[in-house]
Amino acid sequence: MRTTLTLDPDVAAKAKRATARTGLPFKSVINQALRLGIEEVMSPPAARPYRTQPHPMGLKPGLSYDNVAELLAVAEEEAHG
């Protein structure tokens, strides 16, 4: 496919240096760079591991932590009381 492409001056200079160093035609250097660059652009960045630091909050005496409905009722009562 033939197309017109405008390169930024720094990119054009690097491509010209690559042609001089490798002896490959300018077109080949650009095609190789685009192949590598497009794969990089299309792949998502590596996710950083997410970690939380646990903090002991203690247990409130008199509550059953096995009964979620009871805990929610107590929490709502405290919020409105």
PDB file of N, CA and C in Angstrom:
ATOM      1  N   MET A   1       0.846  -1.170   0.000  1.00  0.00           N
ATOM      2  CA  MET A   1       0.000   0.000   0.000  1.00  0.00           C
ATOM      3  C   MET A   1       0.894   1.237   0.000  1.00  0.00           C
ATOM      4  N   ARG A   2       0.596   2.155  -0.846  1.00  0.00           N
ATOM      5  CA  ARG A   2       1.370   3.384  -0.931  1.00  0.00           C
ATOM      6  C   ARG A   2       0.574   4.481  -0.220  1.00  0.00           C
ATOM      7  N   THR A   3       1.266   5.202   0.663  1.00  0.00           N
ATOM      8  CA  THR A   3       0.620   6.294   1.385  1.00  0.00           C
ATOM      9  C   THR A   3       1.654   7.361   1.704  1.00  0.00           C
ATOM     10  N   THR A   4       1.170   8.559   1.971  1.00  0.00           N
ATOM     11  CA  THR A   4       2.058   9.646   2.370  1.00  0.00           C
ATOM     12  C   THR A   4       2.047   9.714   3.891  1.00  0.00           C
ATOM     13  N   LEU A   5       3.223   9.812   4.456  1.00  0.00           N
ATOM     14  CA  LEU A   5       3.368   9.827   5.911  1.00  0.00           C
ATOM     15  C   LEU A   5       4.292  10.974   6.281  1.00  0.00           C
ATOM     16  N   THR A   6       3.844  11.819   7.195  1.00  0.00           N
ATOM     17  CA  THR A   6       4.675  12.918   7.667  1.00  0.00           C
ATOM     18  C   THR A   6       5.306  12.512   8.989  1.00  0.00           C
ATOM     19  N   LEU A   7       6.638  12.476   9.014  1.00  0.00           N
ATOM     20  CA  LEU A   7       7.360  12.085  10.216  1.00  0.00           C
ATOM     21  C   LEU A   7       7.830  13.325  10.967  1.00  0.00           C
ATOM     22  N   ASP A   8       7.791  13.249  12.272  1.00  0.00           N
ATOM     23  CA  ASP A   8       8.380  14.314  13.078  1.00  0.00           C
ATOM     24  C   ASP A   8       9.883  14.312  12.832  1.00  0.00           C
ATOM     25  N   PRO A   9      10.531  15.476  12.955  1.00  0.00           N
ATOM     26  CA  PRO A   9      11.965  15.551  12.648  1.00  0.00           C
ATOM     27  C   PRO A   9      12.824  14.571  13.452  1.00  0.00           C
ATOM     28  N   ASP A  10      12.518  14.378  14.719  1.00  0.00           N
ATOM     29  CA  ASP A  10      13.335  13.462  15.521  1.00  0.00           C
ATOM     30  C   ASP A  10      13.170  12.016  15.065  1.00  0.00           C
ATOM     31  N   VAL A  11      11.954  11.646  14.662  1.00  0.00           N
ATOM     32  CA  VAL A  11      11.699  10.287  14.176  1.00  0.00           C
ATOM     33  C   VAL A  11      12.408  10.072  12.835  1.00  0.00           C
ATOM     34  N   ALA A  12      12.327  11.046  11.967  1.00  0.00           N
ATOM     35  CA  ALA A  12      13.000  10.941  10.667  1.00  0.00           C
ATOM     36  C   ALA A  12      14.512  10.808  10.853  1.00  0.00           C
ATOM     37  N   ALA A  13      15.073  11.563  11.792  1.00  0.00           N
ATOM     38  CA  ALA A  13      16.516  11.491  12.039  1.00  0.00           C
ATOM     39  C   ALA A  13      16.912  10.109  12.561  1.00  0.00           C
ATOM     40  N   LYS A  14      16.119   9.544  13.460  1.00  0.00           N
ATOM     41  CA  LYS A  14      16.419   8.201  13.969  1.00  0.00           C
ATOM     42  C   LYS A  14      16.310   7.165  12.855  1.00  0.00           C
ATOM     43  N   ALA A  15      15.315   7.296  12.020  1.00  0.00           N
ATOM     44  CA  ALA A  15      15.145   6.354  10.909  1.00  0.00           C
ATOM     45  C   ALA A  15      16.323   6.450   9.945  1.00  0.00           C
ATOM     46  N   LYS A  16      16.792   7.657   9.675  1.00  0.00           N
ATOM     47  CA  LYS A  16      17.940   7.822   8.781  1.00  0.00           C
ATOM     48  C   LYS A  16      19.201   7.233   9.395  1.00  0.00           C
ATOM     49  N   ARG A  17      19.373   7.408  10.720  1.00  0.00           N
ATOM     50  CA  ARG A  17      20.526   6.801  11.394  1.00  0.00           C
ATOM     51  C   ARG A  17      20.444   5.272  11.322  1.00  0.00           C
ATOM     52  N   ALA A  18      19.228   4.733  11.454  1.00  0.00           N
ATOM     53  CA  ALA A  18      19.046   3.276  11.380  1.00  0.00           C
ATOM     54  C   ALA A  18      19.366   2.756   9.984  1.00  0.00           C
ATOM     55  N   THR A  19      19.003   3.515   8.954  1.00  0.00           N
ATOM     56  CA  THR A  19      19.320   3.071   7.588  1.00  0.00           C
ATOM     57  C   THR A  19      20.828   3.069   7.377  1.00  0.00           C
ATOM     58  N   ALA A  20      21.510   4.065   7.918  1.00  0.00           N
ATOM     59  CA  ALA A  20      22.966   4.129   7.767  1.00  0.00           C
ATOM     60  C   ALA A  20      23.637   2.992   8.546  1.00  0.00           C
ATOM     61  N   ARG A  21      23.130   2.700   9.728  1.00  0.00           N
ATOM     62  CA  ARG A  21      23.744   1.665  10.571  1.00  0.00           C
ATOM     63  C   ARG A  21      23.469   0.260  10.039  1.00  0.00           C
ATOM     64  N   THR A  22      22.241   0.014   9.578  1.00  0.00           N
ATOM     65  CA  THR A  22      21.860  -1.344   9.159  1.00  0.00           C
ATOM     66  C   THR A  22      22.068  -1.605   7.675  1.00  0.00           C
ATOM     67  N   GLY A  23      22.099  -0.556   6.872  1.00  0.00           N
ATOM     68  CA  GLY A  23      22.207  -0.723   5.437  1.00  0.00           C
ATOM     69  C   GLY A  23      20.883  -1.086   4.777  1.00  0.00           C
ATOM     70  N   LEU A  24      19.810  -1.118   5.568  1.00  0.00           N
ATOM     71  CA  LEU A  24      18.484  -1.412   5.021  1.00  0.00           C
ATOM     72  C   LEU A  24      17.890  -0.164   4.378  1.00  0.00           C
ATOM     73  N   PRO A  25      17.011  -0.354   3.419  1.00  0.00           N
ATOM     74  CA  PRO A  25      16.336   0.800   2.825  1.00  0.00           C
ATOM     75  C   PRO A  25      15.455   1.515   3.861  1.00  0.00           C
ATOM     76  N   PHE A  26      15.265   2.805   3.649  1.00  0.00           N
ATOM     77  CA  PHE A  26      14.449   3.626   4.547  1.00  0.00           C
ATOM     78  C   PHE A  26      13.066   3.002   4.738  1.00  0.00           C
ATOM     79  N   LYS A  27      12.464   2.541   3.662  1.00  0.00           N
ATOM     80  CA  LYS A  27      11.137   1.929   3.708  1.00  0.00           C
ATOM     81  C   LYS A  27      11.122   0.712   4.650  1.00  0.00           C
ATOM     82  N   SER A  28      12.156  -0.115   4.584  1.00  0.00           N
ATOM     83  CA  SER A  28      12.229  -1.308   5.443  1.00  0.00           C
ATOM     84  C   SER A  28      12.369  -0.933   6.909  1.00  0.00           C
ATOM     85  N   VAL A  29      13.197   0.061   7.177  1.00  0.00           N
ATOM     86  CA  VAL A  29      13.379   0.519   8.557  1.00  0.00           C
ATOM     87  C   VAL A  29      12.056   1.032   9.123  1.00  0.00           C
ATOM     88  N   ILE A  30      11.351   1.844   8.356  1.00  0.00           N
ATOM     89  CA  ILE A  30      10.065   2.383   8.803  1.00  0.00           C
ATOM     90  C   ILE A  30       9.068   1.254   9.029  1.00  0.00           C
ATOM     91  N   ASN A  31       8.979   0.295   8.101  1.00  0.00           N
ATOM     92  CA  ASN A  31       8.043  -0.822   8.255  1.00  0.00           C
ATOM     93  C   ASN A  31       8.364  -1.655   9.501  1.00  0.00           C
ATOM     94  N   GLN A  32       9.632  -1.944   9.734  1.00  0.00           N
ATOM     95  CA  GLN A  32      10.002  -2.711  10.930  1.00  0.00           C
ATOM     96  C   GLN A  32       9.646  -1.946  12.206  1.00  0.00           C
ATOM     97  N   ALA A  33       9.939  -0.653  12.208  1.00  0.00           N
ATOM     98  CA  ALA A  33       9.636   0.164  13.392  1.00  0.00           C
ATOM     99  C   ALA A  33       8.127   0.220  13.639  1.00  0.00           C
ATOM    100  N   LEU A  34       7.362   0.350  12.580  1.00  0.00           N
ATOM    101  CA  LEU A  34       5.903   0.381  12.736  1.00  0.00           C
ATOM    102  C   LEU A  34       5.370  -0.952  13.239  1.00  0.00           C
ATOM    103  N   ARG A  35       5.891  -2.050  12.748  1.00  0.00           N
ATOM    104  CA  ARG A  35       5.443  -3.364  13.226  1.00  0.00           C
ATOM    105  C   ARG A  35       5.676  -3.500  14.722  1.00  0.00           C
ATOM    106  N   LEU A  36       6.879  -3.142  15.157  1.00  0.00           N
ATOM    107  CA  LEU A  36       7.185  -3.219  16.590  1.00  0.00           C
ATOM    108  C   LEU A  36       6.341  -2.237  17.397  1.00  0.00           C
ATOM    109  N   GLY A  37       6.223  -1.030  16.898  1.00  0.00           N
ATOM    110  CA  GLY A  37       5.501   0.015  17.624  1.00  0.00           C
ATOM    111  C   GLY A  37       4.011  -0.238  17.709  1.00  0.00           C
ATOM    112  N   ILE A  38       3.418  -0.750  16.655  1.00  0.00           N
ATOM    113  CA  ILE A  38       1.978  -1.017  16.669  1.00  0.00           C
ATOM    114  C   ILE A  38       1.658  -2.111  17.670  1.00  0.00           C
ATOM    115  N   GLU A  39       2.486  -3.137  17.746  1.00  0.00           N
ATOM    116  CA  GLU A  39       2.266  -4.189  18.746  1.00  0.00           C
ATOM    117  C   GLU A  39       2.335  -3.603  20.159  1.00  0.00           C
ATOM    118  N   GLU A  40       3.278  -2.716  20.361  1.00  0.00           N
ATOM    119  CA  GLU A  40       3.426  -2.077  21.683  1.00  0.00           C
ATOM    120  C   GLU A  40       2.217  -1.216  22.012  1.00  0.00           C
ATOM    121  N   VAL A  41       1.730  -0.477  21.039  1.00  0.00           N
ATOM    122  CA  VAL A  41       0.579   0.403  21.248  1.00  0.00           C
ATOM    123  C   VAL A  41      -0.679  -0.409  21.539  1.00  0.00           C
ATOM    124  N   MET A  42      -0.819  -1.540  20.858  1.00  0.00           N
ATOM    125  CA  MET A  42      -2.039  -2.335  21.004  1.00  0.00           C
ATOM    126  C   MET A  42      -2.059  -3.195  22.260  1.00  0.00           C
ATOM    127  N   SER A  43      -0.901  -3.477  22.840  1.00  0.00           N
ATOM    128  CA  SER A  43      -0.887  -4.309  24.043  1.00  0.00           C
ATOM    129  C   SER A  43      -1.073  -3.419  25.267  1.00  0.00           C
ATOM    130  N   PRO A  44      -1.921  -3.848  26.197  1.00  0.00           N
ATOM    131  CA  PRO A  44      -2.161  -3.028  27.383  1.00  0.00           C
ATOM    132  C   PRO A  44      -0.924  -2.994  28.276  1.00  0.00           C
ATOM    133  N   PRO A  45      -0.759  -1.921  29.008  1.00  0.00           N
ATOM    134  CA  PRO A  45       0.385  -1.863  29.920  1.00  0.00           C
ATOM    135  C   PRO A  45       0.245  -2.913  31.017  1.00  0.00           C
ATOM    136  N   ALA A  46       1.352  -3.366  31.514  1.00  0.00           N
ATOM    137  CA  ALA A  46       1.328  -4.360  32.583  1.00  0.00           C
ATOM    138  C   ALA A  46       0.680  -3.759  33.833  1.00  0.00           C
ATOM    139  N   ALA A  47      -0.223  -4.504  34.401  1.00  0.00           N
ATOM    140  CA  ALA A  47      -0.912  -4.030  35.595  1.00  0.00           C
ATOM    141  C   ALA A  47       0.006  -4.152  36.805  1.00  0.00           C
ATOM    142  N   ARG A  48      -0.020  -3.135  37.625  1.00  0.00           N
ATOM    143  CA  ARG A  48       0.741  -3.195  38.860  1.00  0.00           C
ATOM    144  C   ARG A  48      -0.054  -3.996  39.883  1.00  0.00           C
ATOM    145  N   PRO A  49       0.621  -4.792  40.698  1.00  0.00           N
ATOM    146  CA  PRO A  49      -0.113  -5.540  41.719  1.00  0.00           C
ATOM    147  C   PRO A  49      -0.776  -4.578  42.705  1.00  0.00           C
ATOM    148  N   TYR A  50      -1.994  -4.920  43.070  1.00  0.00           N
ATOM    149  CA  TYR A  50      -2.742  -4.084  44.008  1.00  0.00           C
ATOM    150  C   TYR A  50      -2.746  -4.772  45.358  1.00  0.00           C
ATOM    151  N   ARG A  51      -2.337  -4.062  46.361  1.00  0.00           N
ATOM    152  CA  ARG A  51      -2.294  -4.638  47.699  1.00  0.00           C
ATOM    153  C   ARG A  51      -2.892  -3.657  48.696  1.00  0.00           C
ATOM    154  N   THR A  52      -3.583  -4.207  49.651  1.00  0.00           N
ATOM    155  CA  THR A  52      -4.113  -3.391  50.736  1.00  0.00           C
ATOM    156  C   THR A  52      -3.434  -3.803  52.032  1.00  0.00           C
ATOM    157  N   GLN A  53      -3.364  -2.882  52.927  1.00  0.00           N
ATOM    158  CA  GLN A  53      -2.792  -3.165  54.223  1.00  0.00           C
ATOM    159  C   GLN A  53      -3.932  -3.390  55.216  1.00  0.00           C
ATOM    160  N   PRO A  54      -4.010  -4.574  55.804  1.00  0.00           N
ATOM    161  CA  PRO A  54      -5.067  -4.815  56.774  1.00  0.00           C
ATOM    162  C   PRO A  54      -4.785  -4.064  58.076  1.00  0.00           C
ATOM    163  N   HIS A  55      -5.834  -3.632  58.704  1.00  0.00           N
ATOM    164  CA  HIS A  55      -5.727  -2.943  59.989  1.00  0.00           C
ATOM    165  C   HIS A  55      -6.683  -3.606  60.973  1.00  0.00           C
ATOM    166  N   PRO A  56      -6.187  -4.047  62.105  1.00  0.00           N
ATOM    167  CA  PRO A  56      -7.091  -4.662  63.076  1.00  0.00           C
ATOM    168  C   PRO A  56      -8.049  -3.601  63.622  1.00  0.00           C
ATOM    169  N   MET A  57      -9.318  -3.878  63.525  1.00  0.00           N
ATOM    170  CA  MET A  57     -10.326  -2.917  63.992  1.00  0.00           C
ATOM    171  C   MET A  57     -11.024  -3.407  65.258  1.00  0.00           C
ATOM    172  N   GLY A  58     -10.719  -4.610  65.660  1.00  0.00           N
ATOM    173  CA  GLY A  58     -11.326  -5.142  66.872  1.00  0.00           C
ATOM    174  C   GLY A  58     -12.760  -5.588  66.620  1.00  0.00           C
ATOM    175  N   LEU A  59     -13.293  -6.322  67.546  1.00  0.00           N
ATOM    176  CA  LEU A  59     -14.657  -6.798  67.461  1.00  0.00           C
ATOM    177  C   LEU A  59     -15.491  -6.091  68.513  1.00  0.00           C
ATOM    178  N   LYS A  60     -16.688  -5.718  68.145  1.00  0.00           N
ATOM    179  CA  LYS A  60     -17.594  -5.079  69.092  1.00  0.00           C
ATOM    180  C   LYS A  60     -18.254  -6.176  69.920  1.00  0.00           C
ATOM    181  N   PRO A  61     -18.162  -6.103  71.243  1.00  0.00           N
ATOM    182  CA  PRO A  61     -18.726  -7.161  72.071  1.00  0.00           C
ATOM    183  C   PRO A  61     -20.251  -7.227  71.932  1.00  0.00           C
ATOM    184  N   GLY A  62     -20.769  -8.441  72.004  1.00  0.00           N
ATOM    185  CA  GLY A  62     -22.216  -8.639  71.980  1.00  0.00           C
ATOM    186  C   GLY A  62     -22.809  -8.837  70.609  1.00  0.00           C
ATOM    187  N   LEU A  63     -22.019  -8.774  69.558  1.00  0.00           N
ATOM    188  CA  LEU A  63     -22.549  -8.969  68.208  1.00  0.00           C
ATOM    189  C   LEU A  63     -22.118 -10.325  67.665  1.00  0.00           C
ATOM    190  N   SER A  64     -22.997 -10.923  66.886  1.00  0.00           N
ATOM    191  CA  SER A  64     -22.670 -12.150  66.187  1.00  0.00           C
ATOM    192  C   SER A  64     -22.212 -11.759  64.789  1.00  0.00           C
ATOM    193  N   TYR A  65     -20.969 -12.019  64.488  1.00  0.00           N
ATOM    194  CA  TYR A  65     -20.435 -11.655  63.190  1.00  0.00           C
ATOM    195  C   TYR A  65     -20.777 -12.698  62.128  1.00  0.00           C
ATOM    196  N   ASP A  66     -21.551 -13.695  62.505  1.00  0.00           N
ATOM    197  CA  ASP A  66     -22.026 -14.700  61.563  1.00  0.00           C
ATOM    198  C   ASP A  66     -23.357 -14.292  60.948  1.00  0.00           C
ATOM    199  N   ASN A  67     -24.023 -13.281  61.522  1.00  0.00           N
ATOM    200  CA  ASN A  67     -25.348 -12.864  61.063  1.00  0.00           C
ATOM    201  C   ASN A  67     -25.233 -11.474  60.432  1.00  0.00           C
ATOM    202  N   VAL A  68     -25.128 -11.438  59.132  1.00  0.00           N
ATOM    203  CA  VAL A  68     -24.920 -10.182  58.413  1.00  0.00           C
ATOM    204  C   VAL A  68     -26.128  -9.264  58.559  1.00  0.00           C
ATOM    205  N   ALA A  69     -27.322  -9.829  58.514  1.00  0.00           N
ATOM    206  CA  ALA A  69     -28.532  -9.012  58.631  1.00  0.00           C
ATOM    207  C   ALA A  69     -28.560  -8.283  59.964  1.00  0.00           C
ATOM    208  N   GLU A  70     -28.176  -8.958  61.024  1.00  0.00           N
ATOM    209  CA  GLU A  70     -28.133  -8.322  62.351  1.00  0.00           C
ATOM    210  C   GLU A  70     -27.095  -7.205  62.381  1.00  0.00           C
ATOM    211  N   LEU A  71     -25.940  -7.449  61.794  1.00  0.00           N
ATOM    212  CA  LEU A  71     -24.897  -6.423  61.759  1.00  0.00           C
ATOM    213  C   LEU A  71     -25.347  -5.188  60.992  1.00  0.00           C
ATOM    214  N   LEU A  72     -26.039  -5.392  59.862  1.00  0.00           N
ATOM    215  CA  LEU A  72     -26.539  -4.255  59.097  1.00  0.00           C
ATOM    216  C   LEU A  72     -27.594  -3.486  59.868  1.00  0.00           C
ATOM    217  N   ALA A  73     -28.471  -4.192  60.572  1.00  0.00           N
ATOM    218  CA  ALA A  73     -29.509  -3.529  61.364  1.00  0.00           C
ATOM    219  C   ALA A  73     -28.868  -2.687  62.468  1.00  0.00           C
ATOM    220  N   VAL A  74     -27.850  -3.220  63.140  1.00  0.00           N
ATOM    221  CA  VAL A  74     -27.168  -2.471  64.191  1.00  0.00           C
ATOM    222  C   VAL A  74     -26.472  -1.249  63.603  1.00  0.00           C
ATOM    223  N   ALA A  75     -25.816  -1.424  62.455  1.00  0.00           N
ATOM    224  CA  ALA A  75     -25.126  -0.311  61.824  1.00  0.00           C
ATOM    225  C   ALA A  75     -26.092   0.780  61.405  1.00  0.00           C
ATOM    226  N   GLU A  76     -27.223   0.416  60.849  1.00  0.00           N
ATOM    227  CA  GLU A  76     -28.243   1.416  60.455  1.00  0.00           C
ATOM    228  C   GLU A  76     -28.799   2.121  61.671  1.00  0.00           C
ATOM    229  N   GLU A  77     -29.017   1.386  62.735  1.00  0.00           N
ATOM    230  CA  GLU A  77     -29.537   1.982  63.974  1.00  0.00           C
ATOM    231  C   GLU A  77     -28.557   2.983  64.542  1.00  0.00           C
ATOM    232  N   GLU A  78     -27.263   2.658  64.517  1.00  0.00           N
ATOM    233  CA  GLU A  78     -26.235   3.568  65.014  1.00  0.00           C
ATOM    234  C   GLU A  78     -26.136   4.813  64.125  1.00  0.00           C
ATOM    235  N   ALA A  79     -26.328   4.643  62.848  1.00  0.00           N
ATOM    236  CA  ALA A  79     -26.235   5.772  61.926  1.00  0.00           C
ATOM    237  C   ALA A  79     -27.394   6.753  62.119  1.00  0.00           C
ATOM    238  N   HIS A  80     -28.567   6.238  62.486  1.00  0.00           N
ATOM    239  CA  HIS A  80     -29.737   7.088  62.667  1.00  0.00           C
ATOM    240  C   HIS A  80     -29.941   7.499  64.108  1.00  0.00           C
ATOM    241  N   GLY A  81     -29.225   6.915  65.020  1.00  0.00           N
ATOM    242  CA  GLY A  81     -29.459   7.161  66.441  1.00  0.00           C
ATOM    243  C   GLY A  81     -28.554   8.155  66.975  1.00  0.00           C
TER     244      GLY A  81
END
